[in-house]
Amino acid sequence: MMALRVLFFLGALLFCFTMVSSDIKIEEELPLPSQLIVKDGNRRLMQEIDCGGLCKQRCSLHSRPNLCNRACGTCCVRCKCVPPGTAGNRELCGTCYTDMTTHGNKTKCP
């Protein structure tokens, strides 16, 4: 009975080592994207983005472009993301971008 327990323990240990080594191989094979998009991750690992240029493009058709640029800039610095296009697509930047609100409880990020 004791030998069966030891054998089971060694089998489980071997299984864990094979799972860990296969995960490392998968991570090494992944190519690095040119612009990282991480949702709710560690923001220190993300690349710096051009908030000014991206917000200028995002707010180009807005009825109040100065207000839009100011809000977009704040959201970009905090969330490290600006959605593509001039409107919509907010969910692509994750909950940081979609859940940020003003003092009046309105959505902040354009």
PDB file of N, CA and C in Angstrom:
ATOM      1  N   MET A   1       0.826  -1.192   0.000  1.00  0.00           N
ATOM      2  CA  MET A   1       0.000   0.000   0.000  1.00  0.00           C
ATOM      3  C   MET A   1       0.870   1.256   0.000  1.00  0.00           C
ATOM      4  N   MET A   2       1.938   1.235   0.779  1.00  0.00           N
ATOM      5  CA  MET A   2       2.840   2.383   0.845  1.00  0.00           C
ATOM      6  C   MET A   2       3.548   2.591  -0.492  1.00  0.00           C
ATOM      7  N   ALA A   3       3.909   1.508  -1.153  1.00  0.00           N
ATOM      8  CA  ALA A   3       4.577   1.599  -2.450  1.00  0.00           C
ATOM      9  C   ALA A   3       3.639   2.217  -3.481  1.00  0.00           C
ATOM     10  N   LEU A   4       2.359   1.904  -3.397  1.00  0.00           N
ATOM     11  CA  LEU A   4       1.382   2.468  -4.319  1.00  0.00           C
ATOM     12  C   LEU A   4       1.258   3.980  -4.120  1.00  0.00           C
ATOM     13  N   ARG A   5       1.294   4.438  -2.888  1.00  0.00           N
ATOM     14  CA  ARG A   5       1.231   5.874  -2.600  1.00  0.00           C
ATOM     15  C   ARG A   5       2.459   6.593  -3.143  1.00  0.00           C
ATOM     16  N   VAL A   6       3.634   6.016  -2.941  1.00  0.00           N
ATOM     17  CA  VAL A   6       4.876   6.617  -3.441  1.00  0.00           C
ATOM     18  C   VAL A   6       4.855   6.671  -4.963  1.00  0.00           C
ATOM     19  N   LEU A   7       4.390   5.594  -5.590  1.00  0.00           N
ATOM     20  CA  LEU A   7       4.312   5.558  -7.050  1.00  0.00           C
ATOM     21  C   LEU A   7       3.336   6.624  -7.567  1.00  0.00           C
ATOM     22  N   PHE A   8       2.193   6.773  -6.903  1.00  0.00           N
ATOM     23  CA  PHE A   8       1.222   7.780  -7.291  1.00  0.00           C
ATOM     24  C   PHE A   8       1.803   9.189  -7.134  1.00  0.00           C
ATOM     25  N   PHE A   9       2.510   9.438  -6.028  1.00  0.00           N
ATOM     26  CA  PHE A   9       3.121  10.739  -5.787  1.00  0.00           C
ATOM     27  C   PHE A   9       4.164  11.069  -6.853  1.00  0.00           C
ATOM     28  N   LEU A  10       5.004  10.095  -7.191  1.00  0.00           N
ATOM     29  CA  LEU A  10       6.022  10.322  -8.229  1.00  0.00           C
ATOM     30  C   LEU A  10       5.384  10.568  -9.591  1.00  0.00           C
ATOM     31  N   GLY A  11       4.285   9.880  -9.884  1.00  0.00           N
ATOM     32  CA  GLY A  11       3.582  10.099 -11.150  1.00  0.00           C
ATOM     33  C   GLY A  11       2.993  11.501 -11.229  1.00  0.00           C
ATOM     34  N   ALA A  12       2.397  11.947 -10.125  1.00  0.00           N
ATOM     35  CA  ALA A  12       1.824  13.300 -10.090  1.00  0.00           C
ATOM     36  C   ALA A  12       2.917  14.350 -10.221  1.00  0.00           C
ATOM     37  N   LEU A  13       4.043  14.119  -9.560  1.00  0.00           N
ATOM     38  CA  LEU A  13       5.165  15.051  -9.645  1.00  0.00           C
ATOM     39  C   LEU A  13       5.710  15.132 -11.065  1.00  0.00           C
ATOM     40  N   LEU A  14       5.840  13.982 -11.723  1.00  0.00           N
ATOM     41  CA  LEU A  14       6.325  13.949 -13.107  1.00  0.00           C
ATOM     42  C   LEU A  14       5.348  14.679 -14.031  1.00  0.00           C
ATOM     43  N   PHE A  15       4.049  14.481 -13.808  1.00  0.00           N
ATOM     44  CA  PHE A  15       3.034  15.158 -14.608  1.00  0.00           C
ATOM     45  C   PHE A  15       3.149  16.678 -14.464  1.00  0.00           C
ATOM     46  N   CYS A  16       3.348  17.167 -13.227  1.00  0.00           N
ATOM     47  CA  CYS A  16       3.487  18.607 -12.985  1.00  0.00           C
ATOM     48  C   CYS A  16       4.706  19.172 -13.700  1.00  0.00           C
ATOM     49  N   PHE A  17       5.814  18.449 -13.673  1.00  0.00           N
ATOM     50  CA  PHE A  17       7.019  18.934 -14.354  1.00  0.00           C
ATOM     51  C   PHE A  17       6.834  18.996 -15.857  1.00  0.00           C
ATOM     52  N   THR A  18       6.127  18.038 -16.444  1.00  0.00           N
ATOM     53  CA  THR A  18       5.914  18.081 -17.891  1.00  0.00           C
ATOM     54  C   THR A  18       4.999  19.232 -18.271  1.00  0.00           C
ATOM     55  N   MET A  19       4.009  19.541 -17.428  1.00  0.00           N
ATOM     56  CA  MET A  19       3.109  20.663 -17.721  1.00  0.00           C
ATOM     57  C   MET A  19       3.862  21.985 -17.664  1.00  0.00           C
ATOM     58  N   VAL A  20       4.731  22.166 -16.675  1.00  0.00           N
ATOM     59  CA  VAL A  20       5.485  23.409 -16.528  1.00  0.00           C
ATOM     60  C   VAL A  20       6.457  23.569 -17.682  1.00  0.00           C
ATOM     61  N   SER A  21       7.146  22.508 -18.074  1.00  0.00           N
ATOM     62  CA  SER A  21       8.122  22.623 -19.158  1.00  0.00           C
ATOM     63  C   SER A  21       7.434  22.879 -20.487  1.00  0.00           C
ATOM     64  N   SER A  22       6.226  22.336 -20.700  1.00  0.00           N
ATOM     65  CA  SER A  22       5.525  22.601 -21.957  1.00  0.00           C
ATOM     66  C   SER A  22       5.029  24.036 -22.008  1.00  0.00           C
ATOM     67  N   ASP A  23       4.636  24.626 -20.867  1.00  0.00           N
ATOM     68  CA  ASP A  23       4.207  26.018 -20.834  1.00  0.00           C
ATOM     69  C   ASP A  23       5.355  26.948 -21.198  1.00  0.00           C
ATOM     70  N   ILE A  24       6.532  26.661 -20.735  1.00  0.00           N
ATOM     71  CA  ILE A  24       7.694  27.498 -21.035  1.00  0.00           C
ATOM     72  C   ILE A  24       7.990  27.475 -22.524  1.00  0.00           C
ATOM     73  N   LYS A  25       7.886  26.335 -23.161  1.00  0.00           N
ATOM     74  CA  LYS A  25       8.151  26.230 -24.597  1.00  0.00           C
ATOM     75  C   LYS A  25       7.145  27.051 -25.401  1.00  0.00           C
ATOM     76  N   ILE A  26       5.890  27.029 -24.985  1.00  0.00           N
ATOM     77  CA  ILE A  26       4.855  27.783 -25.691  1.00  0.00           C
ATOM     78  C   ILE A  26       5.138  29.276 -25.592  1.00  0.00           C
ATOM     79  N   GLU A  27       5.511  29.764 -24.406  1.00  0.00           N
ATOM     80  CA  GLU A  27       5.780  31.180 -24.224  1.00  0.00           C
ATOM     81  C   GLU A  27       6.992  31.628 -25.022  1.00  0.00           C
ATOM     82  N   GLU A  28       8.007  30.764 -25.155  1.00  0.00           N
ATOM     83  CA  GLU A  28       9.200  31.134 -25.895  1.00  0.00           C
ATOM     84  C   GLU A  28       8.925  31.226 -27.393  1.00  0.00           C
ATOM     85  N   GLU A  29       7.961  30.458 -27.902  1.00  0.00           N
ATOM     86  CA  GLU A  29       7.679  30.423 -29.328  1.00  0.00           C
ATOM     87  C   GLU A  29       6.787  31.562 -29.791  1.00  0.00           C
ATOM     88  N   LEU A  30       6.117  32.249 -28.871  1.00  0.00           N
ATOM     89  CA  LEU A  30       5.202  33.317 -29.264  1.00  0.00           C
ATOM     90  C   LEU A  30       5.978  34.536 -29.760  1.00  0.00           C
ATOM     91  N   PRO A  31       5.613  35.094 -30.910  1.00  0.00           N
ATOM     92  CA  PRO A  31       6.270  36.318 -31.372  1.00  0.00           C
ATOM     93  C   PRO A  31       5.763  37.515 -30.585  1.00  0.00           C
ATOM     94  N   LEU A  32       6.607  38.516 -30.430  1.00  0.00           N
ATOM     95  CA  LEU A  32       6.210  39.730 -29.721  1.00  0.00           C
ATOM     96  C   LEU A  32       5.473  40.659 -30.674  1.00  0.00           C
ATOM     97  N   PRO A  33       4.281  41.139 -30.312  1.00  0.00           N
ATOM     98  CA  PRO A  33       3.555  42.065 -31.182  1.00  0.00           C
ATOM     99  C   PRO A  33       4.218  43.437 -31.169  1.00  0.00           C
ATOM    100  N   SER A  34       3.942  44.220 -32.220  1.00  0.00           N
ATOM    101  CA  SER A  34       4.544  45.545 -32.314  1.00  0.00           C
ATOM    102  C   SER A  34       3.956  46.499 -31.281  1.00  0.00           C
ATOM    103  N   GLN A  35       2.678  46.336 -30.939  1.00  0.00           N
ATOM    104  CA  GLN A  35       2.059  47.159 -29.901  1.00  0.00           C
ATOM    105  C   GLN A  35       1.293  46.229 -28.969  1.00  0.00           C
ATOM    106  N   LEU A  36       1.698  46.214 -27.718  1.00  0.00           N
ATOM    107  CA  LEU A  36       1.072  45.324 -26.759  1.00  0.00           C
ATOM    108  C   LEU A  36      -0.260  45.881 -26.298  1.00  0.00           C
ATOM    109  N   ILE A  37      -1.279  45.030 -26.241  1.00  0.00           N
ATOM    110  CA  ILE A  37      -2.566  45.413 -25.686  1.00  0.00           C
ATOM    111  C   ILE A  37      -2.839  44.444 -24.551  1.00  0.00           C
ATOM    112  N   VAL A  38      -2.793  44.942 -23.346  1.00  0.00           N
ATOM    113  CA  VAL A  38      -3.004  44.121 -22.172  1.00  0.00           C
ATOM    114  C   VAL A  38      -4.198  44.670 -21.423  1.00  0.00           C
ATOM    115  N   LYS A  39      -5.156  43.807 -21.141  1.00  0.00           N
ATOM    116  CA  LYS A  39      -6.336  44.232 -20.408  1.00  0.00           C
ATOM    117  C   LYS A  39      -6.160  43.895 -18.945  1.00  0.00           C
ATOM    118  N   ASP A  40      -6.242  44.884 -18.110  1.00  0.00           N
ATOM    119  CA  ASP A  40      -6.160  44.721 -16.663  1.00  0.00           C
ATOM    120  C   ASP A  40      -4.895  43.982 -16.241  1.00  0.00           C
ATOM    121  N   GLY A  41      -3.816  44.212 -16.944  1.00  0.00           N
ATOM    122  CA  GLY A  41      -2.567  43.546 -16.602  1.00  0.00           C
ATOM    123  C   GLY A  41      -1.615  44.480 -15.879  1.00  0.00           C
ATOM    124  N   ASN A  42      -0.398  44.080 -15.758  1.00  0.00           N
ATOM    125  CA  ASN A  42       0.619  44.899 -15.125  1.00  0.00           C
ATOM    126  C   ASN A  42       1.068  45.945 -16.133  1.00  0.00           C
ATOM    127  N   ARG A  43       0.688  47.177 -15.938  1.00  0.00           N
ATOM    128  CA  ARG A  43       0.916  48.225 -16.930  1.00  0.00           C
ATOM    129  C   ARG A  43       2.389  48.591 -17.087  1.00  0.00           C
ATOM    130  N   ARG A  44       3.235  48.216 -16.131  1.00  0.00           N
ATOM    131  CA  ARG A  44       4.658  48.534 -16.249  1.00  0.00           C
ATOM    132  C   ARG A  44       5.313  47.725 -17.361  1.00  0.00           C
ATOM    133  N   LEU A  45       4.702  46.615 -17.780  1.00  0.00           N
ATOM    134  CA  LEU A  45       5.270  45.776 -18.820  1.00  0.00           C
ATOM    135  C   LEU A  45       4.860  46.231 -20.217  1.00  0.00           C
ATOM    136  N   MET A  46       3.958  47.186 -20.304  1.00  0.00           N
ATOM    137  CA  MET A  46       3.450  47.611 -21.601  1.00  0.00           C
ATOM    138  C   MET A  46       4.348  48.663 -22.231  1.00  0.00           C
ATOM    139  N   GLN A  47       4.328  48.703 -23.551  1.00  0.00           N
ATOM    140  CA  GLN A  47       5.107  49.697 -24.271  1.00  0.00           C
ATOM    141  C   GLN A  47       4.475  51.074 -24.109  1.00  0.00           C
ATOM    142  N   GLU A  48       5.303  52.093 -24.201  1.00  0.00           N
ATOM    143  CA  GLU A  48       4.793  53.458 -24.166  1.00  0.00           C
ATOM    144  C   GLU A  48       4.101  53.740 -25.500  1.00  0.00           C
ATOM    145  N   ILE A  49       2.975  54.460 -25.441  1.00  0.00           N
ATOM    146  CA  ILE A  49       2.254  54.793 -26.673  1.00  0.00           C
ATOM    147  C   ILE A  49       2.169  56.301 -26.802  1.00  0.00           C
ATOM    148  N   ASP A  50       1.941  56.762 -28.030  1.00  0.00           N
ATOM    149  CA  ASP A  50       1.837  58.186 -28.329  1.00  0.00           C
ATOM    150  C   ASP A  50       0.409  58.649 -28.050  1.00  0.00           C
ATOM    151  N   CYS A  51       0.145  59.043 -26.800  1.00  0.00           N
ATOM    152  CA  CYS A  51      -1.215  59.452 -26.415  1.00  0.00           C
ATOM    153  C   CYS A  51      -1.680  60.676 -27.199  1.00  0.00           C
ATOM    154  N   GLY A  52      -0.795  61.638 -27.412  1.00  0.00           N
ATOM    155  CA  GLY A  52      -1.183  62.862 -28.116  1.00  0.00           C
ATOM    156  C   GLY A  52      -1.662  62.583 -29.527  1.00  0.00           C
ATOM    157  N   GLY A  53      -0.908  61.803 -30.267  1.00  0.00           N
ATOM    158  CA  GLY A  53      -1.274  61.487 -31.657  1.00  0.00           C
ATOM    159  C   GLY A  53      -2.521  60.626 -31.750  1.00  0.00           C
ATOM    160  N   LEU A  54      -2.598  59.629 -30.878  1.00  0.00           N
ATOM    161  CA  LEU A  54      -3.759  58.746 -30.910  1.00  0.00           C
ATOM    162  C   LEU A  54      -5.033  59.481 -30.498  1.00  0.00           C
ATOM    163  N   CYS A  55      -4.936  60.354 -29.487  1.00  0.00           N
ATOM    164  CA  CYS A  55      -6.123  61.113 -29.054  1.00  0.00           C
ATOM    165  C   CYS A  55      -6.529  62.152 -30.088  1.00  0.00           C
ATOM    166  N   LYS A  56      -5.564  62.735 -30.780  1.00  0.00           N
ATOM    167  CA  LYS A  56      -5.891  63.706 -31.826  1.00  0.00           C
ATOM    168  C   LYS A  56      -6.690  63.032 -32.924  1.00  0.00           C
ATOM    169  N   GLN A  57      -6.285  61.815 -33.288  1.00  0.00           N
ATOM    170  CA  GLN A  57      -7.019  61.057 -34.298  1.00  0.00           C
ATOM    171  C   GLN A  57      -8.391  60.639 -33.771  1.00  0.00           C
ATOM    172  N   ARG A  58      -8.448  60.186 -32.518  1.00  0.00           N
ATOM    173  CA  ARG A  58      -9.702  59.731 -31.912  1.00  0.00           C
ATOM    174  C   ARG A  58     -10.732  60.866 -31.822  1.00  0.00           C
ATOM    175  N   CYS A  59     -10.282  62.081 -31.510  1.00  0.00           N
ATOM    176  CA  CYS A  59     -11.186  63.213 -31.291  1.00  0.00           C
ATOM    177  C   CYS A  59     -11.341  64.118 -32.513  1.00  0.00           C
ATOM    178  N   SER A  60     -10.843  63.689 -33.674  1.00  0.00           N
ATOM    179  CA  SER A  60     -10.853  64.552 -34.860  1.00  0.00           C
ATOM    180  C   SER A  60     -12.269  64.930 -35.314  1.00  0.00           C
ATOM    181  N   LEU A  61     -13.244  64.087 -35.118  1.00  0.00           N
ATOM    182  CA  LEU A  61     -14.610  64.383 -35.557  1.00  0.00           C
ATOM    183  C   LEU A  61     -15.536  64.770 -34.410  1.00  0.00           C
ATOM    184  N   HIS A  62     -14.999  64.918 -33.213  1.00  0.00           N
ATOM    185  CA  HIS A  62     -15.816  65.233 -32.044  1.00  0.00           C
ATOM    186  C   HIS A  62     -16.321  66.669 -32.118  1.00  0.00           C
ATOM    187  N   SER A  63     -17.519  66.933 -31.570  1.00  0.00           N
ATOM    188  CA  SER A  63     -18.091  68.278 -31.606  1.00  0.00           C
ATOM    189  C   SER A  63     -17.321  69.234 -30.690  1.00  0.00           C
ATOM    190  N   ARG A  64     -16.671  68.702 -29.662  1.00  0.00           N
ATOM    191  CA  ARG A  64     -15.850  69.525 -28.761  1.00  0.00           C
ATOM    192  C   ARG A  64     -14.466  68.873 -28.664  1.00  0.00           C
ATOM    193  N   PRO A  65     -13.619  69.109 -29.669  1.00  0.00           N
ATOM    194  CA  PRO A  65     -12.339  68.385 -29.740  1.00  0.00           C
ATOM    195  C   PRO A  65     -11.394  68.677 -28.574  1.00  0.00           C
ATOM    196  N   ASN A  66     -11.390  69.889 -28.034  1.00  0.00           N
ATOM    197  CA  ASN A  66     -10.493  70.186 -26.912  1.00  0.00           C
ATOM    198  C   ASN A  66     -10.881  69.400 -25.666  1.00  0.00           C
ATOM    199  N   LEU A  67     -12.161  69.349 -25.375  1.00  0.00           N
ATOM    200  CA  LEU A  67     -12.643  68.578 -24.240  1.00  0.00           C
ATOM    201  C   LEU A  67     -12.361  67.087 -24.437  1.00  0.00           C
ATOM    202  N   CYS A  68     -12.597  66.614 -25.647  1.00  0.00           N
ATOM    203  CA  CYS A  68     -12.354  65.211 -25.978  1.00  0.00           C
ATOM    204  C   CYS A  68     -10.871  64.868 -25.826  1.00  0.00           C
ATOM    205  N   ASN A  69      -9.992  65.736 -26.330  1.00  0.00           N
ATOM    206  CA  ASN A  69      -8.551  65.486 -26.234  1.00  0.00           C
ATOM    207  C   ASN A  69      -8.079  65.445 -24.785  1.00  0.00           C
ATOM    208  N   ARG A  70      -8.607  66.321 -23.958  1.00  0.00           N
ATOM    209  CA  ARG A  70      -8.211  66.349 -22.552  1.00  0.00           C
ATOM    210  C   ARG A  70      -8.633  65.063 -21.834  1.00  0.00           C
ATOM    211  N   ALA A  71      -9.876  64.633 -22.055  1.00  0.00           N
ATOM    212  CA  ALA A  71     -10.365  63.403 -21.431  1.00  0.00           C
ATOM    213  C   ALA A  71      -9.638  62.184 -21.988  1.00  0.00           C
ATOM    214  N   CYS A  72      -9.444  62.162 -23.287  1.00  0.00           N
ATOM    215  CA  CYS A  72      -8.753  61.042 -23.927  1.00  0.00           C
ATOM    216  C   CYS A  72      -7.321  60.929 -23.419  1.00  0.00           C
ATOM    217  N   GLY A  73      -6.653  62.064 -23.259  1.00  0.00           N
ATOM    218  CA  GLY A  73      -5.282  62.057 -22.765  1.00  0.00           C
ATOM    219  C   GLY A  73      -5.180  61.480 -21.364  1.00  0.00           C
ATOM    220  N   THR A  74      -6.111  61.851 -20.500  1.00  0.00           N
ATOM    221  CA  THR A  74      -6.129  61.309 -19.147  1.00  0.00           C
ATOM    222  C   THR A  74      -6.341  59.797 -19.167  1.00  0.00           C
ATOM    223  N   CYS A  75      -7.296  59.355 -19.970  1.00  0.00           N
ATOM    224  CA  CYS A  75      -7.585  57.922 -20.066  1.00  0.00           C
ATOM    225  C   CYS A  75      -6.409  57.166 -20.669  1.00  0.00           C
ATOM    226  N   CYS A  76      -5.767  57.743 -21.646  1.00  0.00           N
ATOM    227  CA  CYS A  76      -4.627  57.101 -22.300  1.00  0.00           C
ATOM    228  C   CYS A  76      -3.467  56.919 -21.337  1.00  0.00           C
ATOM    229  N   VAL A  77      -3.164  57.946 -20.554  1.00  0.00           N
ATOM    230  CA  VAL A  77      -2.057  57.862 -19.604  1.00  0.00           C
ATOM    231  C   VAL A  77      -2.352  56.822 -18.527  1.00  0.00           C
ATOM    232  N   ARG A  78      -3.572  56.790 -18.027  1.00  0.00           N
ATOM    233  CA  ARG A  78      -3.920  55.847 -16.957  1.00  0.00           C
ATOM    234  C   ARG A  78      -4.054  54.419 -17.464  1.00  0.00           C
ATOM    235  N   CYS A  79      -4.676  54.229 -18.618  1.00  0.00           N
ATOM    236  CA  CYS A  79      -4.976  52.881 -19.113  1.00  0.00           C
ATOM    237  C   CYS A  79      -3.985  52.380 -20.162  1.00  0.00           C
ATOM    238  N   LYS A  80      -3.124  53.262 -20.671  1.00  0.00           N
ATOM    239  CA  LYS A  80      -2.146  52.909 -21.705  1.00  0.00           C
ATOM    240  C   LYS A  80      -2.811  52.337 -22.948  1.00  0.00           C
ATOM    241  N   CYS A  81      -3.941  52.935 -23.328  1.00  0.00           N
ATOM    242  CA  CYS A  81      -4.675  52.440 -24.488  1.00  0.00           C
ATOM    243  C   CYS A  81      -5.613  53.518 -25.002  1.00  0.00           C
ATOM    244  N   VAL A  82      -5.761  53.585 -26.329  1.00  0.00           N
ATOM    245  CA  VAL A  82      -6.765  54.435 -26.975  1.00  0.00           C
ATOM    246  C   VAL A  82      -7.436  53.555 -28.023  1.00  0.00           C
ATOM    247  N   PRO A  83      -8.771  53.441 -27.987  1.00  0.00           N
ATOM    248  CA  PRO A  83      -9.458  52.575 -28.956  1.00  0.00           C
ATOM    249  C   PRO A  83      -9.280  53.074 -30.384  1.00  0.00           C
ATOM    250  N   PRO A  84      -9.297  52.184 -31.355  1.00  0.00           N
ATOM    251  CA  PRO A  84      -9.177  52.595 -32.756  1.00  0.00           C
ATOM    252  C   PRO A  84     -10.444  53.290 -33.237  1.00  0.00           C
ATOM    253  N   GLY A  85     -10.305  54.130 -34.234  1.00  0.00           N
ATOM    254  CA  GLY A  85     -11.456  54.820 -34.804  1.00  0.00           C
ATOM    255  C   GLY A  85     -11.772  56.118 -34.081  1.00  0.00           C
ATOM    256  N   THR A  86     -12.815  56.800 -34.554  1.00  0.00           N
ATOM    257  CA  THR A  86     -13.202  58.079 -33.963  1.00  0.00           C
ATOM    258  C   THR A  86     -14.310  57.932 -32.930  1.00  0.00           C
ATOM    259  N   ALA A  87     -14.946  56.776 -32.859  1.00  0.00           N
ATOM    260  CA  ALA A  87     -15.995  56.532 -31.868  1.00  0.00           C
ATOM    261  C   ALA A  87     -16.170  55.032 -31.685  1.00  0.00           C
ATOM    262  N   GLY A  88     -16.745  54.646 -30.553  1.00  0.00           N
ATOM    263  CA  GLY A  88     -16.998  53.234 -30.282  1.00  0.00           C
ATOM    264  C   GLY A  88     -15.724  52.471 -29.957  1.00  0.00           C
ATOM    265  N   ASN A  89     -15.800  51.167 -29.982  1.00  0.00           N
ATOM    266  CA  ASN A  89     -14.668  50.259 -29.751  1.00  0.00           C
ATOM    267  C   ASN A  89     -14.033  50.426 -28.375  1.00  0.00           C
ATOM    268  N   ARG A  90     -14.734  51.032 -27.421  1.00  0.00           N
ATOM    269  CA  ARG A  90     -14.158  51.298 -26.097  1.00  0.00           C
ATOM    270  C   ARG A  90     -13.795  50.015 -25.370  1.00  0.00           C
ATOM    271  N   GLU A  91     -14.550  48.944 -25.605  1.00  0.00           N
ATOM    272  CA  GLU A  91     -14.313  47.692 -24.905  1.00  0.00           C
ATOM    273  C   GLU A  91     -12.969  47.050 -25.260  1.00  0.00           C
ATOM    274  N   LEU A  92     -12.362  47.472 -26.360  1.00  0.00           N
ATOM    275  CA  LEU A  92     -11.057  46.932 -26.750  1.00  0.00           C
ATOM    276  C   LEU A  92      -9.948  47.353 -25.797  1.00  0.00           C
ATOM    277  N   CYS A  93     -10.161  48.403 -25.021  1.00  0.00           N
ATOM    278  CA  CYS A  93      -9.154  48.857 -24.058  1.00  0.00           C
ATOM    279  C   CYS A  93      -9.392  48.311 -22.661  1.00  0.00           C
ATOM    280  N   GLY A  94     -10.408  47.499 -22.471  1.00  0.00           N
ATOM    281  CA  GLY A  94     -10.614  46.846 -21.188  1.00  0.00           C
ATOM    282  C   GLY A  94     -11.418  47.670 -20.194  1.00  0.00           C
ATOM    283  N   THR A  95     -11.529  47.150 -18.998  1.00  0.00           N
ATOM    284  CA  THR A  95     -12.367  47.774 -17.980  1.00  0.00           C
ATOM    285  C   THR A  95     -11.780  49.082 -17.464  1.00  0.00           C
ATOM    286  N   CYS A  96     -10.472  49.229 -17.516  1.00  0.00           N
ATOM    287  CA  CYS A  96      -9.866  50.493 -17.086  1.00  0.00           C
ATOM    288  C   CYS A  96     -10.456  51.646 -17.895  1.00  0.00           C
ATOM    289  N   TYR A  97     -10.561  51.467 -19.187  1.00  0.00           N
ATOM    290  CA  TYR A  97     -11.050  52.512 -20.084  1.00  0.00           C
ATOM    291  C   TYR A  97     -12.568  52.652 -20.005  1.00  0.00           C
ATOM    292  N   THR A  98     -13.283  51.543 -19.950  1.00  0.00           N
ATOM    293  CA  THR A  98     -14.752  51.610 -19.989  1.00  0.00           C
ATOM    294  C   THR A  98     -15.363  52.021 -18.662  1.00  0.00           C
ATOM    295  N   ASP A  99     -14.704  51.723 -17.540  1.00  0.00           N
ATOM    296  CA  ASP A  99     -15.308  51.982 -16.230  1.00  0.00           C
ATOM    297  C   ASP A  99     -14.895  53.309 -15.597  1.00  0.00           C
ATOM    298  N   MET A 100     -13.990  54.068 -16.237  1.00  0.00           N
ATOM    299  CA  MET A 100     -13.576  55.351 -15.665  1.00  0.00           C
ATOM    300  C   MET A 100     -14.720  56.358 -15.822  1.00  0.00           C
ATOM    301  N   THR A 101     -15.056  57.050 -14.726  1.00  0.00           N
ATOM    302  CA  THR A 101     -16.172  57.997 -14.744  1.00  0.00           C
ATOM    303  C   THR A 101     -15.730  59.366 -14.239  1.00  0.00           C
ATOM    304  N   THR A 102     -16.555  60.364 -14.562  1.00  0.00           N
ATOM    305  CA  THR A 102     -16.326  61.739 -14.087  1.00  0.00           C
ATOM    306  C   THR A 102     -16.925  61.865 -12.687  1.00  0.00           C
ATOM    307  N   HIS A 103     -16.797  63.044 -12.100  1.00  0.00           N
ATOM    308  CA  HIS A 103     -17.406  63.291 -10.796  1.00  0.00           C
ATOM    309  C   HIS A 103     -18.925  63.210 -10.878  1.00  0.00           C
ATOM    310  N   GLY A 104     -19.469  63.465 -12.052  1.00  0.00           N
ATOM    311  CA  GLY A 104     -20.920  63.386 -12.247  1.00  0.00           C
ATOM    312  C   GLY A 104     -21.393  61.977 -12.605  1.00  0.00           C
ATOM    313  N   ASN A 105     -20.519  60.995 -12.463  1.00  0.00           N
ATOM    314  CA  ASN A 105     -20.834  59.590 -12.740  1.00  0.00           C
ATOM    315  C   ASN A 105     -21.143  59.304 -14.204  1.00  0.00           C
ATOM    316  N   LYS A 106     -20.585  60.104 -15.113  1.00  0.00           N
ATOM    317  CA  LYS A 106     -20.715  59.847 -16.550  1.00  0.00           C
ATOM    318  C   LYS A 106     -19.407  59.222 -17.023  1.00  0.00           C
ATOM    319  N   THR A 107     -19.485  58.470 -18.136  1.00  0.00           N
ATOM    320  CA  THR A 107     -18.260  57.855 -18.654  1.00  0.00           C
ATOM    321  C   THR A 107     -17.280  58.942 -19.078  1.00  0.00           C
ATOM    322  N   LYS A 108     -16.025  58.788 -18.678  1.00  0.00           N
ATOM    323  CA  LYS A 108     -15.020  59.808 -18.921  1.00  0.00           C
ATOM    324  C   LYS A 108     -14.351  59.649 -20.283  1.00  0.00           C
ATOM    325  N   CYS A 109     -14.018  58.422 -20.627  1.00  0.00           N
ATOM    326  CA  CYS A 109     -13.187  58.178 -21.810  1.00  0.00           C
ATOM    327  C   CYS A 109     -14.006  58.157 -23.088  1.00  0.00           C
ATOM    328  N   PRO A 110     -13.564  58.935 -24.089  1.00  0.00           N
ATOM    329  CA  PRO A 110     -14.297  58.989 -25.364  1.00  0.00           C
ATOM    330  C   PRO A 110     -14.080  57.750 -26.208  1.00  0.00           C
TER     331      PRO A 110
END
